[in-house]
């Protein structure tokens, strides 16, 4: 999800202050004073692998379910907290990554 948000921000809102917060998060996670957003995201990806977090398909969620999930996500109150409104395509990529 972070990768998709980062890409969307860089493409559609390159001046967004959230981009600096992505870098700050990377520095906090990695302990490296010059870490960039991508390094923080990779740190989180390694954590997910180390924790063996199960993919969505383990819970019975299939690709055919994605359109309904995306429609619901677009209406969810939690989407308002996202730094940028994500497109259906971007939400689909997030679901694919989690599957």
C-alpha atoms as a PDB file:
ATOM      1  CA  UNK A   1       0.000   0.000   0.000  1.00  0.00           C
ATOM      2  CA  UNK A   2       2.762   2.408   0.838  1.00  0.00           C
ATOM      3  CA  UNK A   3       4.426   1.804  -2.518  1.00  0.00           C
ATOM      4  CA  UNK A   4       1.215   2.690  -4.333  1.00  0.00           C
ATOM      5  CA  UNK A   5       0.673   5.807  -2.232  1.00  0.00           C
ATOM      6  CA  UNK A   6       4.258   6.923  -2.755  1.00  0.00           C
ATOM      7  CA  UNK A   7       4.027   6.469  -6.519  1.00  0.00           C
ATOM      8  CA  UNK A   8       0.659   8.265  -6.685  1.00  0.00           C
ATOM      9  CA  UNK A   9       1.960  11.189  -4.637  1.00  0.00           C
ATOM     10  CA  UNK A  10       5.087  11.552  -6.756  1.00  0.00           C
ATOM     11  CA  UNK A  11       3.049  11.453  -9.959  1.00  0.00           C
ATOM     12  CA  UNK A  12       0.043  13.568  -8.975  1.00  0.00           C
ATOM     13  CA  UNK A  13       1.145  15.663  -6.000  1.00  0.00           C
ATOM     14  CA  UNK A  14       4.934  16.022  -6.122  1.00  0.00           C
ATOM     15  CA  UNK A  15       4.842  19.020  -3.769  1.00  0.00           C
ATOM     16  CA  UNK A  16       2.809  17.222  -1.085  1.00  0.00           C
ATOM     17  CA  UNK A  17       4.330  17.499   2.408  1.00  0.00           C
ATOM     18  CA  UNK A  18       3.422  13.841   2.889  1.00  0.00           C
ATOM     19  CA  UNK A  19       6.423  12.895   0.748  1.00  0.00           C
ATOM     20  CA  UNK A  20       8.782  14.305   3.388  1.00  0.00           C
ATOM     21  CA  UNK A  21       6.895  12.298   6.009  1.00  0.00           C
ATOM     22  CA  UNK A  22       7.548   9.115   4.010  1.00  0.00           C
ATOM     23  CA  UNK A  23      11.280   9.862   4.202  1.00  0.00           C
ATOM     24  CA  UNK A  24      11.011  10.646   7.922  1.00  0.00           C
ATOM     25  CA  UNK A  25       9.268   7.327   8.503  1.00  0.00           C
ATOM     26  CA  UNK A  26      12.046   5.559   6.607  1.00  0.00           C
ATOM     27  CA  UNK A  27      14.679   7.148   8.844  1.00  0.00           C
ATOM     28  CA  UNK A  28      12.768   6.101  11.968  1.00  0.00           C
ATOM     29  CA  UNK A  29      12.277   2.525  10.776  1.00  0.00           C
ATOM     30  CA  UNK A  30      15.770   1.905   9.441  1.00  0.00           C
ATOM     31  CA  UNK A  31      17.737   3.989  11.917  1.00  0.00           C
ATOM     32  CA  UNK A  32      19.613   5.487   8.968  1.00  0.00           C
ATOM     33  CA  UNK A  33      19.750   9.300   8.982  1.00  0.00           C
ATOM     34  CA  UNK A  34      19.703   9.541   5.177  1.00  0.00           C
ATOM     35  CA  UNK A  35      17.118   6.832   4.473  1.00  0.00           C
ATOM     36  CA  UNK A  36      14.566   7.523   1.774  1.00  0.00           C
ATOM     37  CA  UNK A  37      10.964   6.378   1.479  1.00  0.00           C
ATOM     38  CA  UNK A  38      11.838   3.328  -0.631  1.00  0.00           C
ATOM     39  CA  UNK A  39      14.190   2.054   2.073  1.00  0.00           C
ATOM     40  CA  UNK A  40      11.460   2.360   4.683  1.00  0.00           C
ATOM     41  CA  UNK A  41       9.034   0.505   2.464  1.00  0.00           C
ATOM     42  CA  UNK A  42      11.559  -2.277   1.896  1.00  0.00           C
ATOM     43  CA  UNK A  43      12.117  -2.481   5.672  1.00  0.00           C
ATOM     44  CA  UNK A  44       8.362  -2.938   6.140  1.00  0.00           C
ATOM     45  CA  UNK A  45       8.214  -5.529   3.342  1.00  0.00           C
ATOM     46  CA  UNK A  46      10.964  -7.528   5.069  1.00  0.00           C
ATOM     47  CA  UNK A  47       9.017  -7.306   8.334  1.00  0.00           C
ATOM     48  CA  UNK A  48       5.877  -8.651   6.635  1.00  0.00           C
ATOM     49  CA  UNK A  49       7.888 -11.577   5.254  1.00  0.00           C
ATOM     50  CA  UNK A  50       9.554 -12.228   8.638  1.00  0.00           C
ATOM     51  CA  UNK A  51       6.184 -12.211  10.398  1.00  0.00           C
ATOM     52  CA  UNK A  52       4.805 -14.544   7.717  1.00  0.00           C
ATOM     53  CA  UNK A  53       1.671 -12.465   7.279  1.00  0.00           C
ATOM     54  CA  UNK A  54      -0.738 -14.481   5.199  1.00  0.00           C
ATOM     55  CA  UNK A  55      -1.917 -13.272   1.787  1.00  0.00           C
ATOM     56  CA  UNK A  56      -5.570 -12.374   1.241  1.00  0.00           C
ATOM     57  CA  UNK A  57      -6.227 -15.577  -0.671  1.00  0.00           C
ATOM     58  CA  UNK A  58      -5.709 -17.531   2.544  1.00  0.00           C
ATOM     59  CA  UNK A  59      -8.853 -15.826   3.817  1.00  0.00           C
ATOM     60  CA  UNK A  60     -10.849 -16.750   0.732  1.00  0.00           C
ATOM     61  CA  UNK A  61     -10.483 -13.438  -1.081  1.00  0.00           C
ATOM     62  CA  UNK A  62     -10.096 -13.985  -4.814  1.00  0.00           C
ATOM     63  CA  UNK A  63      -9.389 -11.631  -7.708  1.00  0.00           C
ATOM     64  CA  UNK A  64     -13.084 -11.812  -8.635  1.00  0.00           C
ATOM     65  CA  UNK A  65     -13.815 -10.129  -5.283  1.00  0.00           C
ATOM     66  CA  UNK A  66     -11.613  -7.116  -6.033  1.00  0.00           C
ATOM     67  CA  UNK A  67     -14.220  -4.910  -7.781  1.00  0.00           C
ATOM     68  CA  UNK A  68     -16.600  -5.120  -4.815  1.00  0.00           C
ATOM     69  CA  UNK A  69     -13.770  -4.513  -2.342  1.00  0.00           C
ATOM     70  CA  UNK A  70     -12.543  -1.519  -4.354  1.00  0.00           C
ATOM     71  CA  UNK A  71     -16.048  -0.032  -4.511  1.00  0.00           C
ATOM     72  CA  UNK A  72     -16.416  -0.386  -0.761  1.00  0.00           C
ATOM     73  CA  UNK A  73     -12.933   1.000  -0.136  1.00  0.00           C
ATOM     74  CA  UNK A  74     -13.729   4.120  -2.177  1.00  0.00           C
ATOM     75  CA  UNK A  75     -16.657   4.799   0.170  1.00  0.00           C
ATOM     76  CA  UNK A  76     -14.886   3.893   3.423  1.00  0.00           C
ATOM     77  CA  UNK A  77     -14.248   6.589   5.999  1.00  0.00           C
ATOM     78  CA  UNK A  78     -10.664   5.361   6.347  1.00  0.00           C
ATOM     79  CA  UNK A  79      -9.991   6.463   2.758  1.00  0.00           C
ATOM     80  CA  UNK A  80     -10.378  10.060   3.929  1.00  0.00           C
ATOM     81  CA  UNK A  81      -7.202   9.628   5.963  1.00  0.00           C
ATOM     82  CA  UNK A  82      -5.197   8.606   2.914  1.00  0.00           C
ATOM     83  CA  UNK A  83      -2.798  11.300   1.717  1.00  0.00           C
ATOM     84  CA  UNK A  84      -4.290  11.177  -1.790  1.00  0.00           C
ATOM     85  CA  UNK A  85      -7.459   9.697  -3.251  1.00  0.00           C
ATOM     86  CA  UNK A  86      -6.416   6.483  -4.961  1.00  0.00           C
ATOM     87  CA  UNK A  87      -7.872   5.356  -8.251  1.00  0.00           C
ATOM     88  CA  UNK A  88      -9.630   2.027  -8.713  1.00  0.00           C
ATOM     89  CA  UNK A  89      -6.553   0.807 -10.591  1.00  0.00           C
ATOM     90  CA  UNK A  90      -4.257   1.780  -7.717  1.00  0.00           C
ATOM     91  CA  UNK A  91      -6.506   0.062  -5.184  1.00  0.00           C
ATOM     92  CA  UNK A  92      -6.480  -3.020  -7.407  1.00  0.00           C
ATOM     93  CA  UNK A  93      -2.672  -3.026  -7.356  1.00  0.00           C
ATOM     94  CA  UNK A  94      -2.730  -2.910  -3.562  1.00  0.00           C
ATOM     95  CA  UNK A  95      -5.062  -5.902  -3.480  1.00  0.00           C
ATOM     96  CA  UNK A  96      -2.871  -7.792  -5.929  1.00  0.00           C
ATOM     97  CA  UNK A  97       0.193  -7.137  -3.770  1.00  0.00           C
ATOM     98  CA  UNK A  98      -1.676  -8.421  -0.711  1.00  0.00           C
ATOM     99  CA  UNK A  99      -2.872 -11.581  -2.470  1.00  0.00           C
END
